[in-house]
Structure formats: structure tokens, C-alpha cells
């Protein structure tokens, strides 16, 4: 059978102003997304509600409800609202919802990572069995502490924890810190939108050795391909073939995992559907 291809990161929006590195358009709908997926040969995608829409998951969940076989959601929850902790127990009972996703980018958010004020989140997600994705540049040692304190918490590091705003080798300055996290069996990584971190032309030869180091540390069952398609500097198809065609040290079984099976296993997203 053909390889199942699952994009571990896409965004939909119809309000707010996208971050400058995303397409500067007022809306990106599920119809737009599904058309692009279809053209590129992507079977499924995980929608992450973008932070510029505020703490709302409605648009993403509507898309997943309309297309449950191909779209699922890792949602946002307010980290400041005291009521958030009480929502965790039933979080994944929302149709289409498979987890949580947070972006840590502001000084106050980095403070929360280090001062213990998010203990309710890590403990609550661990208790409820909720997978958590984090975009977290510059604070990877803090992730080690969270992973160690919560061994059953399923934690995913988005964009390989690459240095925010950096490109080429400079983007990978923190890679040793990421690779050290492979020691925690509850930590996985998303190899998302990697072409955006290269000034080279396809197939981005400078990226290959870095991807190899991540593969050697985490293995194919703990690394997920993804595009963040509205941010791509290449075609959707090139983002796929970078992994499926250009990394000749990957076996077919490795590619099956990295390109889709592994994230479905991690999320508990039924692949028989």
C-alpha cells in the first residue's frame, strides 16, 4: 500500500494578522488546506490553532469535524486562566481533539517555564494522557527537567527546538541540547519546515547531517515530518521529498514512521480509518 503521509503541523485562520514568516493573507481555510494536501499527496494533517487567533480552537475543530478522516487538532488552552486546569480531564473527549500545543516566545512565558507555575499543566496532561507539543527555542534544558519530573507526559519539541530567527548552521546551535533530550523516552521531536532554515537550494545538502544526528539520537518512531505549509519557502512536495527521496540512509520502514505512522501512534490517531 502507498505510504501514509501525515503533516504534523498546519495552521488555519480567519482572523488576526499572521506572523511575518507565514503567508500574509486574511484567511487560510480547510478547503485551501485540503486542496494543497491533495495536490502534494498528503493524507492527513494535524491542525495547530495559531496563536494570533487567540486562545480559540473553534475554527480548527470545525475543520476536523467536517473531515475527521484527514484532519485532527492539537489545541490551545490559556496558560493564565485558573479555569484551564479543570479542562484537562475531558480535553481529549472533544471530537477531533488529540492534544495540546503551546508556543513559548515571550519573556513572561519563559518565566512560567522556570518558576514552577505550569506544574498544573504538566501534571494534568500527564494524568489525563494528553500529548503536548511545545515550540520552545532557547529553553531546552528546562524541557529536560519537565520530562524527568513527569515520565509519563508525552512531550514533543516542535521545529527541532531550532534557534528562533536563525538560519543555516546558526539555527542548529542548540542541537546538542535537543539530542540530549533523546535520553528521555517520553520526548519526541517534530522535524517541521526544515527547508525554511536553509539558504541553499533544494535538496538543502547542509541540512542532511543535522537530520541524521536527530535520527541517530531519537530514531524514526520518535521524529515526525511536518511542513507548517503556510510558512514554507519551498513547494509542499519538496518538503516531502527532502525526506522520502533525498536521505538515502533512511530505510523504507524508517520513512513510513517519520512521514506518518509515528505521529499517528504517538497521538493515538487510528490509522485503520
C-alpha atoms as a PDB file:
ATOM      1  CA  UNK A   1       0.000   0.000   0.000  1.00  0.00           C
ATOM      2  CA  UNK A   2       1.093   3.582  -0.506  1.00  0.00           C
ATOM      3  CA  UNK A   3       2.885   5.278   2.372  1.00  0.00           C
ATOM      4  CA  UNK A   4       0.608   7.164   4.754  1.00  0.00           C
ATOM      5  CA  UNK A   5       1.769  10.798   4.772  1.00  0.00           C
ATOM      6  CA  UNK A   6       0.709  12.855   7.773  1.00  0.00           C
ATOM      7  CA  UNK A   7       1.658  16.501   8.148  1.00  0.00           C
ATOM      8  CA  UNK A   8       2.380  17.124  11.837  1.00  0.00           C
ATOM      9  CA  UNK A   9       1.896  20.891  11.628  1.00  0.00           C
ATOM     10  CA  UNK A  10      -0.560  23.080   9.721  1.00  0.00           C
ATOM     11  CA  UNK A  11      -2.496  26.224  10.680  1.00  0.00           C
ATOM     12  CA  UNK A  12      -5.938  27.528   9.739  1.00  0.00           C
ATOM     13  CA  UNK A  13      -7.094  31.080  10.414  1.00  0.00           C
ATOM     14  CA  UNK A  14      -9.798  33.601   9.585  1.00  0.00           C
ATOM     15  CA  UNK A  15      -8.871  36.418  11.981  1.00  0.00           C
ATOM     16  CA  UNK A  16      -5.860  38.292  13.252  1.00  0.00           C
ATOM     17  CA  UNK A  17      -2.618  39.016  11.418  1.00  0.00           C
ATOM     18  CA  UNK A  18      -0.323  36.065  10.688  1.00  0.00           C
ATOM     19  CA  UNK A  19       3.244  36.103  11.984  1.00  0.00           C
ATOM     20  CA  UNK A  20       5.521  37.728   9.385  1.00  0.00           C
ATOM     21  CA  UNK A  21       7.008  34.373   8.337  1.00  0.00           C
ATOM     22  CA  UNK A  22       3.578  32.995   7.375  1.00  0.00           C
ATOM     23  CA  UNK A  23       1.574  33.840   4.250  1.00  0.00           C
ATOM     24  CA  UNK A  24       0.226  37.339   4.741  1.00  0.00           C
ATOM     25  CA  UNK A  25      -3.367  36.515   3.876  1.00  0.00           C
ATOM     26  CA  UNK A  26      -6.521  37.214   5.939  1.00  0.00           C
ATOM     27  CA  UNK A  27      -7.707  33.600   5.939  1.00  0.00           C
ATOM     28  CA  UNK A  28      -6.454  30.087   5.283  1.00  0.00           C
ATOM     29  CA  UNK A  29      -9.383  27.667   5.148  1.00  0.00           C
ATOM     30  CA  UNK A  30      -9.720  23.912   5.408  1.00  0.00           C
ATOM     31  CA  UNK A  31     -10.696  23.845   1.716  1.00  0.00           C
ATOM     32  CA  UNK A  32      -7.438  25.606   0.815  1.00  0.00           C
ATOM     33  CA  UNK A  33      -5.502  23.202   3.014  1.00  0.00           C
ATOM     34  CA  UNK A  34      -7.170  20.045   1.708  1.00  0.00           C
ATOM     35  CA  UNK A  35      -6.589  21.134  -1.898  1.00  0.00           C
ATOM     36  CA  UNK A  36      -2.879  21.656  -1.185  1.00  0.00           C
ATOM     37  CA  UNK A  37      -2.648  18.349   0.666  1.00  0.00           C
ATOM     38  CA  UNK A  38      -4.349  16.557  -2.213  1.00  0.00           C
ATOM     39  CA  UNK A  39      -2.018  18.086  -4.803  1.00  0.00           C
ATOM     40  CA  UNK A  40       1.090  17.183  -2.784  1.00  0.00           C
ATOM     41  CA  UNK A  41      -0.042  13.684  -1.793  1.00  0.00           C
ATOM     42  CA  UNK A  42      -0.576  14.330   1.917  1.00  0.00           C
ATOM     43  CA  UNK A  43      -3.216  12.071   3.512  1.00  0.00           C
ATOM     44  CA  UNK A  44      -3.722  13.689   6.897  1.00  0.00           C
ATOM     45  CA  UNK A  45      -2.738  16.776   8.830  1.00  0.00           C
ATOM     46  CA  UNK A  46      -2.585  17.894  12.447  1.00  0.00           C
ATOM     47  CA  UNK A  47      -4.023  21.392  12.845  1.00  0.00           C
ATOM     48  CA  UNK A  48      -2.444  23.661  15.444  1.00  0.00           C
ATOM     49  CA  UNK A  49      -4.636  26.726  16.065  1.00  0.00           C
ATOM     50  CA  UNK A  50      -2.315  29.714  15.501  1.00  0.00           C
ATOM     51  CA  UNK A  51      -1.551  31.975  18.432  1.00  0.00           C
ATOM     52  CA  UNK A  52      -2.563  35.123  16.518  1.00  0.00           C
ATOM     53  CA  UNK A  53      -6.194  33.926  16.654  1.00  0.00           C
ATOM     54  CA  UNK A  54      -6.111  33.985  20.478  1.00  0.00           C
ATOM     55  CA  UNK A  55      -6.988  31.057  22.739  1.00  0.00           C
ATOM     56  CA  UNK A  56      -9.633  29.591  20.436  1.00  0.00           C
ATOM     57  CA  UNK A  57      -9.851  26.167  18.819  1.00  0.00           C
ATOM     58  CA  UNK A  58     -13.244  26.586  17.155  1.00  0.00           C
ATOM     59  CA  UNK A  59     -12.143  27.025  13.531  1.00  0.00           C
ATOM     60  CA  UNK A  60      -9.745  24.063  13.732  1.00  0.00           C
ATOM     61  CA  UNK A  61     -12.264  21.777  15.431  1.00  0.00           C
ATOM     62  CA  UNK A  62     -14.916  22.676  12.825  1.00  0.00           C
ATOM     63  CA  UNK A  63     -12.477  21.598  10.102  1.00  0.00           C
ATOM     64  CA  UNK A  64     -11.713  18.331  11.873  1.00  0.00           C
ATOM     65  CA  UNK A  65     -15.411  17.600  12.437  1.00  0.00           C
ATOM     66  CA  UNK A  66     -16.063  18.145   8.733  1.00  0.00           C
ATOM     67  CA  UNK A  67     -13.113  15.937   7.685  1.00  0.00           C
ATOM     68  CA  UNK A  68     -12.388  13.559  10.587  1.00  0.00           C
ATOM     69  CA  UNK A  69     -10.580  11.063   8.382  1.00  0.00           C
ATOM     70  CA  UNK A  70      -7.949  13.604   7.356  1.00  0.00           C
ATOM     71  CA  UNK A  71      -7.773  16.381   9.968  1.00  0.00           C
ATOM     72  CA  UNK A  72      -7.223  16.397  13.732  1.00  0.00           C
ATOM     73  CA  UNK A  73      -6.392  19.144  16.232  1.00  0.00           C
ATOM     74  CA  UNK A  74      -3.866  19.830  18.965  1.00  0.00           C
ATOM     75  CA  UNK A  75      -5.485  22.768  20.682  1.00  0.00           C
ATOM     76  CA  UNK A  76      -4.628  25.857  22.669  1.00  0.00           C
ATOM     77  CA  UNK A  77      -5.602  26.491  26.269  1.00  0.00           C
ATOM     78  CA  UNK A  78      -4.969  29.679  28.215  1.00  0.00           C
ATOM     79  CA  UNK A  79      -1.931  29.350  30.469  1.00  0.00           C
ATOM     80  CA  UNK A  80      -3.127  32.301  32.560  1.00  0.00           C
ATOM     81  CA  UNK A  81      -6.759  31.309  33.150  1.00  0.00           C
ATOM     82  CA  UNK A  82      -7.157  29.499  36.509  1.00  0.00           C
ATOM     83  CA  UNK A  83     -10.055  27.537  34.961  1.00  0.00           C
ATOM     84  CA  UNK A  84      -7.729  25.862  32.434  1.00  0.00           C
ATOM     85  CA  UNK A  85      -6.545  23.169  34.852  1.00  0.00           C
ATOM     86  CA  UNK A  86     -10.083  21.863  35.271  1.00  0.00           C
ATOM     87  CA  UNK A  87     -10.459  21.458  31.479  1.00  0.00           C
ATOM     88  CA  UNK A  88      -7.666  18.912  31.135  1.00  0.00           C
ATOM     89  CA  UNK A  89      -9.520  15.847  32.363  1.00  0.00           C
ATOM     90  CA  UNK A  90     -12.035  15.995  29.484  1.00  0.00           C
ATOM     91  CA  UNK A  91      -9.810  17.749  26.945  1.00  0.00           C
ATOM     92  CA  UNK A  92      -9.411  14.848  24.529  1.00  0.00           C
ATOM     93  CA  UNK A  93     -13.108  13.989  24.721  1.00  0.00           C
ATOM     94  CA  UNK A  94     -13.784  16.922  22.373  1.00  0.00           C
ATOM     95  CA  UNK A  95     -14.399  15.374  18.909  1.00  0.00           C
ATOM     96  CA  UNK A  96     -11.329  15.909  16.732  1.00  0.00           C
ATOM     97  CA  UNK A  97      -9.087  16.949  19.632  1.00  0.00           C
ATOM     98  CA  UNK A  98      -5.994  14.824  20.198  1.00  0.00           C
ATOM     99  CA  UNK A  99      -3.812  17.009  22.423  1.00  0.00           C
ATOM    100  CA  UNK A 100      -2.385  20.400  23.334  1.00  0.00           C
ATOM    101  CA  UNK A 101       0.126  22.738  21.744  1.00  0.00           C
ATOM    102  CA  UNK A 102       1.917  25.757  23.199  1.00  0.00           C
ATOM    103  CA  UNK A 103       4.263  28.386  21.833  1.00  0.00           C
ATOM    104  CA  UNK A 104       6.750  29.788  24.317  1.00  0.00           C
ATOM    105  CA  UNK A 105       8.084  33.039  22.900  1.00  0.00           C
ATOM    106  CA  UNK A 106       7.590  35.889  25.395  1.00  0.00           C
ATOM    107  CA  UNK A 107       9.676  36.684  28.495  1.00  0.00           C
ATOM    108  CA  UNK A 108       6.741  36.011  30.832  1.00  0.00           C
ATOM    109  CA  UNK A 109       6.169  32.620  29.204  1.00  0.00           C
ATOM    110  CA  UNK A 110       9.815  31.680  29.705  1.00  0.00           C
ATOM    111  CA  UNK A 111       9.435  32.705  33.348  1.00  0.00           C
ATOM    112  CA  UNK A 112       6.490  30.312  33.707  1.00  0.00           C
ATOM    113  CA  UNK A 113       8.698  27.521  32.365  1.00  0.00           C
ATOM    114  CA  UNK A 114      11.282  28.053  35.066  1.00  0.00           C
ATOM    115  CA  UNK A 115       9.284  29.149  38.144  1.00  0.00           C
ATOM    116  CA  UNK A 116       7.036  26.085  38.503  1.00  0.00           C
ATOM    117  CA  UNK A 117       3.827  27.951  37.748  1.00  0.00           C
ATOM    118  CA  UNK A 118       2.921  25.469  34.970  1.00  0.00           C
ATOM    119  CA  UNK A 119       3.142  22.414  37.190  1.00  0.00           C
ATOM    120  CA  UNK A 120      -0.667  22.085  36.916  1.00  0.00           C
ATOM    121  CA  UNK A 121      -0.272  21.736  33.150  1.00  0.00           C
ATOM    122  CA  UNK A 122       2.489  19.125  33.088  1.00  0.00           C
ATOM    123  CA  UNK A 123       0.941  17.088  35.903  1.00  0.00           C
ATOM    124  CA  UNK A 124      -2.580  17.437  34.488  1.00  0.00           C
ATOM    125  CA  UNK A 125      -1.610  16.449  30.941  1.00  0.00           C
ATOM    126  CA  UNK A 126       0.409  13.526  32.284  1.00  0.00           C
ATOM    127  CA  UNK A 127      -2.540  12.363  34.396  1.00  0.00           C
ATOM    128  CA  UNK A 128      -5.059  12.730  31.538  1.00  0.00           C
ATOM    129  CA  UNK A 129      -2.759  11.151  28.929  1.00  0.00           C
ATOM    130  CA  UNK A 130      -2.749  14.281  26.730  1.00  0.00           C
ATOM    131  CA  UNK A 131       0.101  14.602  24.209  1.00  0.00           C
ATOM    132  CA  UNK A 132       1.683  18.078  24.407  1.00  0.00           C
ATOM    133  CA  UNK A 133       3.601  19.822  21.626  1.00  0.00           C
ATOM    134  CA  UNK A 134       5.789  22.793  22.530  1.00  0.00           C
ATOM    135  CA  UNK A 135       7.510  25.355  20.347  1.00  0.00           C
ATOM    136  CA  UNK A 136      10.327  26.201  22.677  1.00  0.00           C
ATOM    137  CA  UNK A 137      13.521  27.799  21.420  1.00  0.00           C
ATOM    138  CA  UNK A 138      16.352  28.528  23.860  1.00  0.00           C
ATOM    139  CA  UNK A 139      14.890  26.655  26.845  1.00  0.00           C
ATOM    140  CA  UNK A 140      15.608  23.018  26.019  1.00  0.00           C
ATOM    141  CA  UNK A 141      17.329  22.325  29.385  1.00  0.00           C
ATOM    142  CA  UNK A 142      14.030  23.252  31.032  1.00  0.00           C
ATOM    143  CA  UNK A 143      12.290  20.578  28.950  1.00  0.00           C
ATOM    144  CA  UNK A 144      14.703  18.023  30.393  1.00  0.00           C
ATOM    145  CA  UNK A 145      13.515  18.886  33.905  1.00  0.00           C
ATOM    146  CA  UNK A 146       9.843  18.657  32.886  1.00  0.00           C
ATOM    147  CA  UNK A 147      10.406  15.317  31.129  1.00  0.00           C
ATOM    148  CA  UNK A 148      12.280  13.948  34.132  1.00  0.00           C
ATOM    149  CA  UNK A 149       9.680  15.093  36.646  1.00  0.00           C
ATOM    150  CA  UNK A 150       6.805  13.749  34.529  1.00  0.00           C
ATOM    151  CA  UNK A 151       7.986  10.464  32.974  1.00  0.00           C
ATOM    152  CA  UNK A 152       4.543   9.614  31.568  1.00  0.00           C
ATOM    153  CA  UNK A 153       3.972  13.033  29.982  1.00  0.00           C
ATOM    154  CA  UNK A 154       4.140  12.766  26.179  1.00  0.00           C
ATOM    155  CA  UNK A 155       6.187  15.809  25.126  1.00  0.00           C
ATOM    156  CA  UNK A 156       7.027  16.855  21.567  1.00  0.00           C
ATOM    157  CA  UNK A 157       9.600  19.518  20.657  1.00  0.00           C
ATOM    158  CA  UNK A 158       8.449  21.445  17.570  1.00  0.00           C
ATOM    159  CA  UNK A 159      10.837  22.589  14.796  1.00  0.00           C
ATOM    160  CA  UNK A 160      13.636  20.571  16.487  1.00  0.00           C
ATOM    161  CA  UNK A 161      13.906  23.398  19.046  1.00  0.00           C
ATOM    162  CA  UNK A 162      15.911  25.359  16.464  1.00  0.00           C
ATOM    163  CA  UNK A 163      17.208  28.836  17.265  1.00  0.00           C
ATOM    164  CA  UNK A 164      14.462  31.363  16.605  1.00  0.00           C
ATOM    165  CA  UNK A 165      15.147  33.619  13.632  1.00  0.00           C
ATOM    166  CA  UNK A 166      18.454  31.917  12.757  1.00  0.00           C
ATOM    167  CA  UNK A 167      19.350  30.165   9.526  1.00  0.00           C
ATOM    168  CA  UNK A 168      21.806  27.540   8.239  1.00  0.00           C
ATOM    169  CA  UNK A 169      24.353  26.344  10.845  1.00  0.00           C
ATOM    170  CA  UNK A 170      23.378  29.085  13.317  1.00  0.00           C
ATOM    171  CA  UNK A 171      19.837  27.651  13.508  1.00  0.00           C
ATOM    172  CA  UNK A 172      21.298  24.393  14.839  1.00  0.00           C
ATOM    173  CA  UNK A 173      23.428  25.933  17.619  1.00  0.00           C
ATOM    174  CA  UNK A 174      21.302  24.251  20.292  1.00  0.00           C
ATOM    175  CA  UNK A 175      21.231  20.838  18.615  1.00  0.00           C
ATOM    176  CA  UNK A 176      23.370  19.173  21.331  1.00  0.00           C
ATOM    177  CA  UNK A 177      20.731  20.218  23.883  1.00  0.00           C
ATOM    178  CA  UNK A 178      17.994  18.669  21.724  1.00  0.00           C
ATOM    179  CA  UNK A 179      19.941  15.442  21.220  1.00  0.00           C
ATOM    180  CA  UNK A 180      20.425  15.164  24.994  1.00  0.00           C
ATOM    181  CA  UNK A 181      16.631  15.050  25.360  1.00  0.00           C
ATOM    182  CA  UNK A 182      16.599  11.721  23.491  1.00  0.00           C
ATOM    183  CA  UNK A 183      17.613  10.173  26.840  1.00  0.00           C
ATOM    184  CA  UNK A 184      14.040  10.766  27.995  1.00  0.00           C
ATOM    185  CA  UNK A 185      11.860   8.147  26.349  1.00  0.00           C
ATOM    186  CA  UNK A 186       8.789  10.397  26.721  1.00  0.00           C
ATOM    187  CA  UNK A 187      10.268  13.121  24.481  1.00  0.00           C
ATOM    188  CA  UNK A 188       9.737  13.124  20.703  1.00  0.00           C
ATOM    189  CA  UNK A 189      10.590  15.727  18.051  1.00  0.00           C
ATOM    190  CA  UNK A 190       8.970  17.348  15.045  1.00  0.00           C
ATOM    191  CA  UNK A 191      11.221  17.875  12.025  1.00  0.00           C
ATOM    192  CA  UNK A 192       8.951  20.618  10.726  1.00  0.00           C
ATOM    193  CA  UNK A 193       9.503  23.181   7.937  1.00  0.00           C
ATOM    194  CA  UNK A 194      13.225  22.396   7.800  1.00  0.00           C
ATOM    195  CA  UNK A 195      13.751  23.999   4.349  1.00  0.00           C
ATOM    196  CA  UNK A 196      12.893  27.349   5.978  1.00  0.00           C
ATOM    197  CA  UNK A 197      16.150  27.082   7.952  1.00  0.00           C
ATOM    198  CA  UNK A 198      18.372  26.853   4.850  1.00  0.00           C
ATOM    199  CA  UNK A 199      19.639  29.416   2.341  1.00  0.00           C
ATOM    200  CA  UNK A 200      20.571  26.594  -0.044  1.00  0.00           C
ATOM    201  CA  UNK A 201      18.527  25.356  -2.967  1.00  0.00           C
ATOM    202  CA  UNK A 202      16.675  22.018  -2.830  1.00  0.00           C
ATOM    203  CA  UNK A 203      17.676  19.406  -1.667  1.00  0.00           C
ATOM    204  CA  UNK A 204      19.353  21.523   1.054  1.00  0.00           C
ATOM    205  CA  UNK A 205      22.531  19.439   1.487  1.00  0.00           C
ATOM    206  CA  UNK A 206      23.554  21.425   4.563  1.00  0.00           C
ATOM    207  CA  UNK A 207      20.515  20.138   6.463  1.00  0.00           C
ATOM    208  CA  UNK A 208      21.188  16.448   5.901  1.00  0.00           C
ATOM    209  CA  UNK A 209      23.852  15.875   8.562  1.00  0.00           C
ATOM    210  CA  UNK A 210      21.691  17.606  11.168  1.00  0.00           C
ATOM    211  CA  UNK A 211      18.670  15.471  10.279  1.00  0.00           C
ATOM    212  CA  UNK A 212      20.943  12.428  10.525  1.00  0.00           C
ATOM    213  CA  UNK A 213      22.026  13.390  14.051  1.00  0.00           C
ATOM    214  CA  UNK A 214      18.382  13.720  15.131  1.00  0.00           C
ATOM    215  CA  UNK A 215      17.576  10.360  13.542  1.00  0.00           C
ATOM    216  CA  UNK A 216      20.547   8.683  15.255  1.00  0.00           C
ATOM    217  CA  UNK A 217      19.500  10.071  18.648  1.00  0.00           C
ATOM    218  CA  UNK A 218      15.723   9.687  18.565  1.00  0.00           C
ATOM    219  CA  UNK A 219      15.107   7.004  15.939  1.00  0.00           C
ATOM    220  CA  UNK A 220      12.300   7.027  13.348  1.00  0.00           C
ATOM    221  CA  UNK A 221       9.477   6.277  15.804  1.00  0.00           C
ATOM    222  CA  UNK A 222      10.211   9.487  17.729  1.00  0.00           C
ATOM    223  CA  UNK A 223      10.614  12.011  14.896  1.00  0.00           C
ATOM    224  CA  UNK A 224       7.734  13.383  12.870  1.00  0.00           C
ATOM    225  CA  UNK A 225       7.833  15.084   9.486  1.00  0.00           C
ATOM    226  CA  UNK A 226       5.753  18.216   9.031  1.00  0.00           C
ATOM    227  CA  UNK A 227       5.532  21.270   6.816  1.00  0.00           C
ATOM    228  CA  UNK A 228       3.933  24.267   8.550  1.00  0.00           C
ATOM    229  CA  UNK A 229       2.808  24.693   4.926  1.00  0.00           C
ATOM    230  CA  UNK A 230       1.757  28.365   5.123  1.00  0.00           C
ATOM    231  CA  UNK A 231       5.327  29.199   6.142  1.00  0.00           C
ATOM    232  CA  UNK A 232       7.203  27.113   3.545  1.00  0.00           C
ATOM    233  CA  UNK A 233       9.938  28.668   1.421  1.00  0.00           C
ATOM    234  CA  UNK A 234       9.780  25.679  -0.966  1.00  0.00           C
ATOM    235  CA  UNK A 235       6.935  23.723  -2.545  1.00  0.00           C
ATOM    236  CA  UNK A 236       4.859  21.378  -0.389  1.00  0.00           C
ATOM    237  CA  UNK A 237       6.106  18.484  -2.495  1.00  0.00           C
ATOM    238  CA  UNK A 238       9.789  19.424  -1.959  1.00  0.00           C
ATOM    239  CA  UNK A 239       9.245  19.458   1.797  1.00  0.00           C
ATOM    240  CA  UNK A 240       8.054  15.840   1.484  1.00  0.00           C
ATOM    241  CA  UNK A 241      10.686  14.576  -0.963  1.00  0.00           C
ATOM    242  CA  UNK A 242      13.513  16.047   1.122  1.00  0.00           C
ATOM    243  CA  UNK A 243      12.816  13.100   3.449  1.00  0.00           C
ATOM    244  CA  UNK A 244      11.333  10.481   1.116  1.00  0.00           C
ATOM    245  CA  UNK A 245      13.827  10.871  -1.786  1.00  0.00           C
ATOM    246  CA  UNK A 246      16.996  12.657  -0.635  1.00  0.00           C
ATOM    247  CA  UNK A 247      18.059  10.945   2.614  1.00  0.00           C
ATOM    248  CA  UNK A 248      19.424   7.698   1.224  1.00  0.00           C
ATOM    249  CA  UNK A 249      20.339   6.353   4.685  1.00  0.00           C
ATOM    250  CA  UNK A 250      16.658   6.036   5.608  1.00  0.00           C
ATOM    251  CA  UNK A 251      15.043   2.643   5.058  1.00  0.00           C
ATOM    252  CA  UNK A 252      11.517   2.322   3.696  1.00  0.00           C
ATOM    253  CA  UNK A 253      10.385   1.340   7.188  1.00  0.00           C
ATOM    254  CA  UNK A 254      12.047   4.475   8.614  1.00  0.00           C
ATOM    255  CA  UNK A 255      10.255   6.677   6.082  1.00  0.00           C
ATOM    256  CA  UNK A 256       6.897   5.050   6.865  1.00  0.00           C
ATOM    257  CA  UNK A 257       7.349   6.019  10.502  1.00  0.00           C
ATOM    258  CA  UNK A 258       8.797   9.518  10.041  1.00  0.00           C
ATOM    259  CA  UNK A 259       6.295  10.510   7.341  1.00  0.00           C
ATOM    260  CA  UNK A 260       3.163   9.493   9.208  1.00  0.00           C
ATOM    261  CA  UNK A 261       2.918   6.287  11.166  1.00  0.00           C
ATOM    262  CA  UNK A 262       4.922   7.527  14.154  1.00  0.00           C
ATOM    263  CA  UNK A 263       2.815  10.600  14.811  1.00  0.00           C
ATOM    264  CA  UNK A 264      -0.413   8.622  14.474  1.00  0.00           C
ATOM    265  CA  UNK A 265       0.933   6.153  17.041  1.00  0.00           C
ATOM    266  CA  UNK A 266       2.003   8.976  19.363  1.00  0.00           C
ATOM    267  CA  UNK A 267      -1.353  10.733  19.149  1.00  0.00           C
ATOM    268  CA  UNK A 268      -3.439   7.572  19.185  1.00  0.00           C
ATOM    269  CA  UNK A 269      -4.897   8.620  15.819  1.00  0.00           C
ATOM    270  CA  UNK A 270      -6.341   5.415  14.386  1.00  0.00           C
ATOM    271  CA  UNK A 271      -4.562   4.579  11.134  1.00  0.00           C
ATOM    272  CA  UNK A 272      -7.063   1.890  10.139  1.00  0.00           C
ATOM    273  CA  UNK A 273      -9.656   4.555   9.313  1.00  0.00           C
END
